[in-house]
PDB file of N, CA and C in Angstrom:
ATOM      1  N   MET A   1      94.722  76.887  87.444  1.00  0.00           N
ATOM      2  CA  MET A   1      94.962  77.794  88.519  1.00  0.00           C
ATOM      3  C   MET A   1      93.645  78.482  89.175  1.00  0.00           C
ATOM      4  N   VAL A   2      93.573  78.904  90.151  1.00  0.00           N
ATOM      5  CA  VAL A   2      92.234  79.698  90.402  1.00  0.00           C
ATOM      6  C   VAL A   2      92.582  80.759  91.325  1.00  0.00           C
ATOM      7  N   ALA A   3      91.890  81.767  91.396  1.00  0.00           N
ATOM      8  CA  ALA A   3      92.726  83.219  91.593  1.00  0.00           C
ATOM      9  C   ALA A   3      91.191  84.117  92.264  1.00  0.00           C
ATOM     10  N   GLY A   4      91.100  84.750  93.224  1.00  0.00           N
ATOM     11  CA  GLY A   4      90.475  85.260  94.144  1.00  0.00           C
ATOM     12  C   GLY A   4      90.398  86.692  93.287  1.00  0.00           C
ATOM     13  N   ARG A   5      89.174  87.367  92.830  1.00  0.00           N
ATOM     14  CA  ARG A   5      89.216  88.491  92.474  1.00  0.00           C
ATOM     15  C   ARG A   5      88.171  89.160  93.672  1.00  0.00           C
ATOM     16  N   LYS A   6      87.963  89.312  94.549  1.00  0.00           N
ATOM     17  CA  LYS A   6      86.717  90.497  95.207  1.00  0.00           C
ATOM     18  C   LYS A   6      87.373  91.632  96.067  1.00  0.00           C
ATOM     19  N   GLY A   7      86.741  92.865  95.818  1.00  0.00           N
ATOM     20  CA  GLY A   7      86.817  93.946  96.533  1.00  0.00           C
ATOM     21  C   GLY A   7      88.464  94.632  95.391  1.00  0.00           C
ATOM     22  N   VAL A   8      88.222  94.830  94.035  1.00  0.00           N
ATOM     23  CA  VAL A   8      89.145  95.771  94.041  1.00  0.00           C
ATOM     24  C   VAL A   8      88.640  97.009  93.788  1.00  0.00           C
ATOM     25  N   ASP A   9      88.621  97.604  94.417  1.00  0.00           N
ATOM     26  CA  ASP A   9      88.006  99.279  94.647  1.00  0.00           C
ATOM     27  C   ASP A   9      89.072 100.477  94.323  1.00  0.00           C
ATOM     28  N   GLN A  10      90.240  99.886  94.112  1.00  0.00           N
ATOM     29  CA  GLN A  10      91.425 101.230  94.190  1.00  0.00           C
ATOM     30  C   GLN A  10      92.532 100.547  92.942  1.00  0.00           C
ATOM     31  N   ASP A  11      93.432 101.703  93.020  1.00  0.00           N
ATOM     32  CA  ASP A  11      94.281 100.948  92.545  1.00  0.00           C
ATOM     33  C   ASP A  11      95.470 101.117  93.007  1.00  0.00           C
ATOM     34  N   THR A  12      96.255 100.217  93.909  1.00  0.00           N
ATOM     35  CA  THR A  12      97.252  99.855  94.600  1.00  0.00           C
ATOM     36  C   THR A  12      98.829 100.143  94.091  1.00  0.00           C
ATOM     37  N   THR A  13      99.123 100.364  92.838  1.00  0.00           N
ATOM     38  CA  THR A  13     100.581 100.894  92.090  1.00  0.00           C
ATOM     39  C   THR A  13     101.120 102.049  93.041  1.00  0.00           C
ATOM     40  N   ALA A  14     100.525 103.289  92.891  1.00  0.00           N
ATOM     41  CA  ALA A  14     101.042 104.050  93.531  1.00  0.00           C
ATOM     42  C   ALA A  14     101.348 103.971  95.094  1.00  0.00           C
ATOM     43  N   ASN A  15     100.096 103.063  95.707  1.00  0.00           N
ATOM     44  CA  ASN A  15     100.500 103.136  97.509  1.00  0.00           C
ATOM     45  C   ASN A  15     100.451 101.646  97.445  1.00  0.00           C
ATOM     46  N   PRO A  16     101.930 101.049  97.664  1.00  0.00           N
ATOM     47  CA  PRO A  16     101.838  99.690  97.815  1.00  0.00           C
ATOM     48  C   PRO A  16     101.343  99.161  99.010  1.00  0.00           C
ATOM     49  N   ILE A  17     100.969  99.855 100.083  1.00  0.00           N
ATOM     50  CA  ILE A  17     100.149  99.462 101.534  1.00  0.00           C
ATOM     51  C   ILE A  17      98.709  99.794 101.418  1.00  0.00           C
ATOM     52  N   GLY A  18      98.293 100.080 100.138  1.00  0.00           N
ATOM     53  CA  GLY A  18      96.821 100.879  99.591  1.00  0.00           C
ATOM     54  C   GLY A  18      95.868  99.685 100.263  1.00  0.00           C
ATOM     55  N   PHE A  19      96.720  98.320  99.786  1.00  0.00           N
ATOM     56  CA  PHE A  19      95.905  97.300 100.266  1.00  0.00           C
ATOM     57  C   PHE A  19      95.168  96.968 101.479  1.00  0.00           C
ATOM     58  N   LEU A  20      95.757  97.449 102.543  1.00  0.00           N
ATOM     59  CA  LEU A  20      95.674  97.566 104.074  1.00  0.00           C
ATOM     60  C   LEU A  20      94.203  98.280 104.127  1.00  0.00           C
ATOM     61  N   HIS A  21      93.840  98.944 103.191  1.00  0.00           N
ATOM     62  CA  HIS A  21      92.443  99.881 103.424  1.00  0.00           C
ATOM     63  C   HIS A  21      91.452  99.543 102.679  1.00  0.00           C
ATOM     64  N   ARG A  22      91.854  98.442 101.907  1.00  0.00           N
ATOM     65  CA  ARG A  22      90.638  97.629 101.179  1.00  0.00           C
ATOM     66  C   ARG A  22      90.047  97.039 101.986  1.00  0.00           C
ATOM     67  N   GLN A  23      88.709  95.761 101.610  1.00  0.00           N
ATOM     68  CA  GLN A  23      88.047  95.270 102.828  1.00  0.00           C
ATOM     69  C   GLN A  23      88.457  93.663 102.388  1.00  0.00           C
ATOM     70  N   TYR A  24      88.827  93.520 101.177  1.00  0.00           N
ATOM     71  CA  TYR A  24      89.266  92.273 100.512  1.00  0.00           C
ATOM     72  C   TYR A  24      90.713  92.287 100.168  1.00  0.00           C
ATOM     73  N   LEU A  25      91.225  90.966  99.880  1.00  0.00           N
ATOM     74  CA  LEU A  25      92.730  90.994  99.597  1.00  0.00           C
ATOM     75  C   LEU A  25      92.508  89.815  98.355  1.00  0.00           C
ATOM     76  N   ASN A  26      93.354  90.238  97.421  1.00  0.00           N
ATOM     77  CA  ASN A  26      92.852  89.179  96.189  1.00  0.00           C
ATOM     78  C   ASN A  26      94.240  88.175  96.204  1.00  0.00           C
ATOM     79  N   TYR A  27      93.687  87.079  95.889  1.00  0.00           N
ATOM     80  CA  TYR A  27      94.658  85.853  96.337  1.00  0.00           C
ATOM     81  C   TYR A  27      94.586  84.952  94.885  1.00  0.00           C
ATOM     82  N   CYS A  28      95.883  84.258  94.845  1.00  0.00           N
ATOM     83  CA  CYS A  28      96.012  83.393  93.837  1.00  0.00           C
ATOM     84  C   CYS A  28      96.552  81.991  94.544  1.00  0.00           C
ATOM     85  N   CYS A  29      95.971  80.870  94.199  1.00  0.00           N
ATOM     86  CA  CYS A  29      96.339  79.465  94.877  1.00  0.00           C
ATOM     87  C   CYS A  29      96.381  78.404  93.700  1.00  0.00           C
ATOM     88  N   THR A  30      97.442  77.730  93.623  1.00  0.00           N
ATOM     89  CA  THR A  30      97.718  77.141  92.310  1.00  0.00           C
ATOM     90  C   THR A  30      98.277  75.693  92.694  1.00  0.00           C
ATOM     91  N   ASN A  31      98.403  74.518  92.480  1.00  0.00           N
ATOM     92  CA  ASN A  31      98.717  73.148  92.526  1.00  0.00           C
ATOM     93  C   ASN A  31      99.354  73.253  91.065  1.00  0.00           C
ATOM     94  N   THR A  32     100.888  73.719  90.889  1.00  0.00           N
ATOM     95  CA  THR A  32     101.841  73.449  89.650  1.00  0.00           C
ATOM     96  C   THR A  32     102.197  72.154  89.307  1.00  0.00           C
ATOM     97  N   GLN A  33     102.452  71.557  90.158  1.00  0.00           N
ATOM     98  CA  GLN A  33     103.244  69.597  89.828  1.00  0.00           C
ATOM     99  C   GLN A  33     104.639  70.228  89.018  1.00  0.00           C
ATOM    100  N   GLY A  34     105.327  70.850  89.422  1.00  0.00           N
ATOM    101  CA  GLY A  34     106.236  71.292  88.687  1.00  0.00           C
ATOM    102  C   GLY A  34     106.558  73.094  88.619  1.00  0.00           C
ATOM    103  N   LEU A  35     106.590  73.769  89.316  1.00  0.00           N
ATOM    104  CA  LEU A  35     106.670  75.147  88.907  1.00  0.00           C
ATOM    105  C   LEU A  35     107.726  75.809  87.841  1.00  0.00           C
ATOM    106  N   PHE A  36     109.005  75.450  87.864  1.00  0.00           N
ATOM    107  CA  PHE A  36     109.766  75.645  87.469  1.00  0.00           C
ATOM    108  C   PHE A  36     109.610  75.713  86.188  1.00  0.00           C
ATOM    109  N   SER A  37     109.152  74.935  85.169  1.00  0.00           N
ATOM    110  CA  SER A  37     108.686  75.012  83.668  1.00  0.00           C
ATOM    111  C   SER A  37     107.706  75.633  83.573  1.00  0.00           C
ATOM    112  N   LYS A  38     106.676  76.138  84.805  1.00  0.00           N
ATOM    113  CA  LYS A  38     105.781  77.088  84.328  1.00  0.00           C
ATOM    114  C   LYS A  38     105.938  78.592  84.990  1.00  0.00           C
ATOM    115  N   PHE A  39     107.241  78.731  85.750  1.00  0.00           N
ATOM    116  CA  PHE A  39     107.599  79.691  86.293  1.00  0.00           C
ATOM    117  C   PHE A  39     107.059  80.808  85.097  1.00  0.00           C
ATOM    118  N   PRO A  40     107.868  81.296  83.892  1.00  0.00           N
ATOM    119  CA  PRO A  40     107.440  82.422  82.862  1.00  0.00           C
ATOM    120  C   PRO A  40     106.405  82.284  83.071  1.00  0.00           C
ATOM    121  N   GLU A  41     105.519  81.626  83.112  1.00  0.00           N
ATOM    122  CA  GLU A  41     103.709  81.663  82.843  1.00  0.00           C
ATOM    123  C   GLU A  41     103.242  82.410  84.079  1.00  0.00           C
ATOM    124  N   LEU A  42     103.570  81.789  85.068  1.00  0.00           N
ATOM    125  CA  LEU A  42     103.380  82.314  86.240  1.00  0.00           C
ATOM    126  C   LEU A  42     103.527  83.942  86.392  1.00  0.00           C
ATOM    127  N   ASN A  43     104.887  84.089  86.614  1.00  0.00           N
ATOM    128  CA  ASN A  43     105.553  85.285  86.343  1.00  0.00           C
ATOM    129  C   ASN A  43     104.724  86.101  85.480  1.00  0.00           C
ATOM    130  N   PHE A  44     104.418  85.935  84.146  1.00  0.00           N
ATOM    131  CA  PHE A  44     103.133  86.227  83.589  1.00  0.00           C
ATOM    132  C   PHE A  44     102.091  87.351  83.677  1.00  0.00           C
ATOM    133  N   CYS A  45     101.296  86.292  84.444  1.00  0.00           N
ATOM    134  CA  CYS A  45     100.174  86.558  85.499  1.00  0.00           C
ATOM    135  C   CYS A  45     100.866  87.652  86.598  1.00  0.00           C
ATOM    136  N   PHE A  46     101.928  87.570  86.957  1.00  0.00           N
ATOM    137  CA  PHE A  46     102.018  88.744  88.108  1.00  0.00           C
ATOM    138  C   PHE A  46     101.876  89.842  87.437  1.00  0.00           C
ATOM    139  N   LYS A  47     102.353  89.796  86.201  1.00  0.00           N
ATOM    140  CA  LYS A  47     102.627  91.366  85.655  1.00  0.00           C
ATOM    141  C   LYS A  47     100.898  92.029  85.193  1.00  0.00           C
ATOM    142  N   SER A  48     100.092  90.563  84.617  1.00  0.00           N
ATOM    143  CA  SER A  48      98.767  90.876  84.435  1.00  0.00           C
ATOM    144  C   SER A  48      97.885  91.165  85.629  1.00  0.00           C
ATOM    145  N   ASP A  49      98.057  90.321  86.751  1.00  0.00           N
ATOM    146  CA  ASP A  49      96.873  90.432  87.855  1.00  0.00           C
ATOM    147  C   ASP A  49      97.678  91.270  89.255  1.00  0.00           C
ATOM    148  N   GLN A  50      96.811  91.849  89.600  1.00  0.00           N
ATOM    149  CA  GLN A  50      97.311  92.472  91.064  1.00  0.00           C
ATOM    150  C   GLN A  50      96.844  91.316  92.209  1.00  0.00           C
ATOM    151  N   TRP A  51      97.519  90.585  92.584  1.00  0.00           N
ATOM    152  CA  TRP A  51      97.342  89.880  93.738  1.00  0.00           C
ATOM    153  C   TRP A  51      98.265  90.046  94.835  1.00  0.00           C
ATOM    154  N   ASP A  52      98.071  90.085  96.099  1.00  0.00           N
ATOM    155  CA  ASP A  52      98.225  90.534  97.079  1.00  0.00           C
ATOM    156  C   ASP A  52      99.023  89.372  97.935  1.00  0.00           C
ATOM    157  N   ILE A  53      98.321  88.387  97.794  1.00  0.00           N
ATOM    158  CA  ILE A  53      98.888  86.865  98.161  1.00  0.00           C
ATOM    159  C   ILE A  53      98.967  85.730  97.080  1.00  0.00           C
ATOM    160  N   THR A  54      99.900  85.031  97.093  1.00  0.00           N
ATOM    161  CA  THR A  54     100.050  83.972  96.096  1.00  0.00           C
ATOM    162  C   THR A  54     100.716  82.518  96.741  1.00  0.00           C
ATOM    163  N   ALA A  55     100.227  81.440  96.635  1.00  0.00           N
ATOM    164  CA  ALA A  55     100.460  80.457  97.139  1.00  0.00           C
ATOM    165  C   ALA A  55      99.957  79.188  96.301  1.00  0.00           C
ATOM    166  N   VAL A  56     101.433  78.395  96.385  1.00  0.00           N
ATOM    167  CA  VAL A  56     101.790  77.596  95.170  1.00  0.00           C
ATOM    168  C   VAL A  56     102.414  76.162  95.388  1.00  0.00           C
ATOM    169  N   THR A  57     101.522  75.248  95.115  1.00  0.00           N
ATOM    170  CA  THR A  57     101.827  74.061  95.886  1.00  0.00           C
ATOM    171  C   THR A  57     102.563  73.083  95.163  1.00  0.00           C
ATOM    172  N   GLU A  58     103.209  72.116  95.587  1.00  0.00           N
ATOM    173  CA  GLU A  58     103.589  70.985  94.604  1.00  0.00           C
ATOM    174  C   GLU A  58     104.721  71.757  93.520  1.00  0.00           C
ATOM    175  N   THR A  59     105.672  72.647  94.257  1.00  0.00           N
ATOM    176  CA  THR A  59     106.557  73.337  93.219  1.00  0.00           C
ATOM    177  C   THR A  59     107.624  72.406  92.927  1.00  0.00           C
ATOM    178  N   TRP A  60     107.809  71.209  93.459  1.00  0.00           N
ATOM    179  CA  TRP A  60     109.064  69.936  93.200  1.00  0.00           C
ATOM    180  C   TRP A  60     110.137  70.790  93.318  1.00  0.00           C
ATOM    181  N   PHE A  61     110.318  72.243  94.083  1.00  0.00           N
ATOM    182  CA  PHE A  61     111.628  72.352  93.811  1.00  0.00           C
ATOM    183  C   PHE A  61     112.721  71.915  94.961  1.00  0.00           C
ATOM    184  N   ALA A  62     114.233  71.830  94.771  1.00  0.00           N
ATOM    185  CA  ALA A  62     115.214  71.214  95.745  1.00  0.00           C
ATOM    186  C   ALA A  62     115.784  72.657  96.013  1.00  0.00           C
ATOM    187  N   ALA A  63     116.654  72.210  97.463  1.00  0.00           N
ATOM    188  CA  ALA A  63     117.436  73.457  97.761  1.00  0.00           C
ATOM    189  C   ALA A  63     118.512  73.829  96.971  1.00  0.00           C
ATOM    190  N   ASP A  64     119.041  73.523  95.822  1.00  0.00           N
ATOM    191  CA  ASP A  64     119.727  73.631  94.983  1.00  0.00           C
ATOM    192  C   ASP A  64     119.340  74.863  94.127  1.00  0.00           C
ATOM    193  N   ILE A  65     118.071  75.010  94.012  1.00  0.00           N
ATOM    194  CA  ILE A  65     117.496  76.397  93.228  1.00  0.00           C
ATOM    195  C   ILE A  65     117.879  77.602  94.060  1.00  0.00           C
ATOM    196  N   PRO A  66     118.490  78.593  93.627  1.00  0.00           N
ATOM    197  CA  PRO A  66     118.552  79.563  94.687  1.00  0.00           C
ATOM    198  C   PRO A  66     117.057  80.439  94.463  1.00  0.00           C
ATOM    199  N   ASP A  67     116.778  81.170  95.650  1.00  0.00           N
ATOM    200  CA  ASP A  67     116.127  81.994  95.602  1.00  0.00           C
ATOM    201  C   ASP A  67     116.173  83.473  94.427  1.00  0.00           C
ATOM    202  N   TYR A  68     116.792  83.678  93.703  1.00  0.00           N
ATOM    203  CA  TYR A  68     116.944  84.749  93.204  1.00  0.00           C
ATOM    204  C   TYR A  68     116.707  84.487  91.906  1.00  0.00           C
ATOM    205  N   GLU A  69     116.262  83.075  91.491  1.00  0.00           N
ATOM    206  CA  GLU A  69     115.750  82.448  90.330  1.00  0.00           C
ATOM    207  C   GLU A  69     114.470  82.576  90.451  1.00  0.00           C
ATOM    208  N   LEU A  70     113.998  82.842  91.826  1.00  0.00           N
ATOM    209  CA  LEU A  70     112.160  82.803  91.731  1.00  0.00           C
ATOM    210  C   LEU A  70     111.736  84.047  92.016  1.00  0.00           C
ATOM    211  N   SER A  71     112.595  84.853  92.270  1.00  0.00           N
ATOM    212  CA  SER A  71     112.245  86.487  92.514  1.00  0.00           C
ATOM    213  C   SER A  71     111.381  86.778  91.592  1.00  0.00           C
ATOM    214  N   ILE A  72     110.551  87.876  91.841  1.00  0.00           N
ATOM    215  CA  ILE A  72     109.749  88.614  91.178  1.00  0.00           C
ATOM    216  C   ILE A  72     109.584  89.999  91.845  1.00  0.00           C
ATOM    217  N   PRO A  73     109.929  90.894  91.093  1.00  0.00           N
ATOM    218  CA  PRO A  73     109.869  92.209  91.528  1.00  0.00           C
ATOM    219  C   PRO A  73     108.891  92.786  92.483  1.00  0.00           C
ATOM    220  N   GLY A  74     108.961  93.604  93.498  1.00  0.00           N
ATOM    221  CA  GLY A  74     107.787  93.994  94.335  1.00  0.00           C
ATOM    222  C   GLY A  74     107.086  92.786  95.230  1.00  0.00           C
ATOM    223  N   MET A  75     107.702  91.691  95.345  1.00  0.00           N
ATOM    224  CA  MET A  75     106.992  90.502  95.911  1.00  0.00           C
ATOM    225  C   MET A  75     108.208  89.932  96.598  1.00  0.00           C
ATOM    226  N   SER A  76     107.622  89.273  97.925  1.00  0.00           N
ATOM    227  CA  SER A  76     108.599  88.883  99.045  1.00  0.00           C
ATOM    228  C   SER A  76     108.478  87.518  98.625  1.00  0.00           C
ATOM    229  N   LEU A  77     109.664  86.427  99.084  1.00  0.00           N
ATOM    230  CA  LEU A  77     109.282  84.824  99.198  1.00  0.00           C
ATOM    231  C   LEU A  77     109.740  84.317 100.214  1.00  0.00           C
ATOM    232  N   LEU A  78     108.561  83.401 100.641  1.00  0.00           N
ATOM    233  CA  LEU A  78     108.886  82.455 101.475  1.00  0.00           C
ATOM    234  C   LEU A  78     108.395  81.081 100.941  1.00  0.00           C
ATOM    235  N   ARG A  79     109.274  80.023 100.897  1.00  0.00           N
ATOM    236  CA  ARG A  79     109.360  78.673 100.286  1.00  0.00           C
ATOM    237  C   ARG A  79     109.854  77.813 101.287  1.00  0.00           C
ATOM    238  N   CYS A  80     109.361  76.276 101.141  1.00  0.00           N
ATOM    239  CA  CYS A  80     109.664  75.412 102.018  1.00  0.00           C
ATOM    240  C   CYS A  80     109.664  73.838 101.163  1.00  0.00           C
ATOM    241  N   ASP A  81     111.105  74.037 100.565  1.00  0.00           N
ATOM    242  CA  ASP A  81     110.913  72.603  99.858  1.00  0.00           C
ATOM    243  C   ASP A  81     111.131  71.588 100.553  1.00  0.00           C
ATOM    244  N   ARG A  82     110.775  70.355 100.036  1.00  0.00           N
ATOM    245  CA  ARG A  82     110.585  68.856 100.373  1.00  0.00           C
ATOM    246  C   ARG A  82     111.719  68.338 100.169  1.00  0.00           C
ATOM    247  N   PRO A  83     112.482  68.119 101.026  1.00  0.00           N
ATOM    248  CA  PRO A  83     113.815  66.747 101.053  1.00  0.00           C
ATOM    249  C   PRO A  83     113.560  65.906  99.984  1.00  0.00           C
ATOM    250  N   THR A  84     112.788  65.303  99.714  1.00  0.00           N
ATOM    251  CA  THR A  84     112.559  63.982  98.762  1.00  0.00           C
ATOM    252  C   THR A  84     111.783  64.734  97.442  1.00  0.00           C
ATOM    253  N   ARG A  85     111.265  63.786  96.547  1.00  0.00           N
ATOM    254  CA  ARG A  85     110.809  63.470  95.407  1.00  0.00           C
ATOM    255  C   ARG A  85     109.101  64.812  95.350  1.00  0.00           C
ATOM    256  N   GLY A  86     109.161  65.379  94.672  1.00  0.00           N
ATOM    257  CA  GLY A  86     107.712  65.852  95.108  1.00  0.00           C
ATOM    258  C   GLY A  86     107.245  67.126  96.416  1.00  0.00           C
ATOM    259  N   GLY A  87     106.449  67.657  96.328  1.00  0.00           N
ATOM    260  CA  GLY A  87     105.935  68.266  97.633  1.00  0.00           C
ATOM    261  C   GLY A  87     106.563  70.005  96.917  1.00  0.00           C
ATOM    262  N   GLY A  88     106.485  70.603  98.058  1.00  0.00           N
ATOM    263  CA  GLY A  88     107.077  71.698  98.223  1.00  0.00           C
ATOM    264  C   GLY A  88     105.970  72.582  98.170  1.00  0.00           C
ATOM    265  N   PHE A  89     106.191  74.052  98.544  1.00  0.00           N
ATOM    266  CA  PHE A  89     105.350  75.090  98.661  1.00  0.00           C
ATOM    267  C   PHE A  89     106.216  76.353  98.624  1.00  0.00           C
ATOM    268  N   LEU A  90     105.385  77.038  97.928  1.00  0.00           N
ATOM    269  CA  LEU A  90     105.719  78.885  97.979  1.00  0.00           C
ATOM    270  C   LEU A  90     104.915  79.756  98.682  1.00  0.00           C
ATOM    271  N   LEU A  91     105.170  80.292  98.785  1.00  0.00           N
ATOM    272  CA  LEU A  91     104.056  82.032  99.454  1.00  0.00           C
ATOM    273  C   LEU A  91     104.586  83.088  98.894  1.00  0.00           C
TER     274      LEU A  91
END
């Protein structure tokens, strides 16, 4: 997992759009090679860190996995599943 941690100058928990006033965004980009089995670990990281944007590649999800199983409170979900084996992207 690779995470960017620049410009964390203020607490944005009280003001959810507070990140608009910072100079930098906090981001996470990871290649999971099958996110479903690693989802509890990633969910724990969301509770521990403040990421404004998270990108996950190689999710290996199929369309039969509903969005509600992947939801994380306070986050919006955008996903692109690959119709064949492998691939997939989640933002």
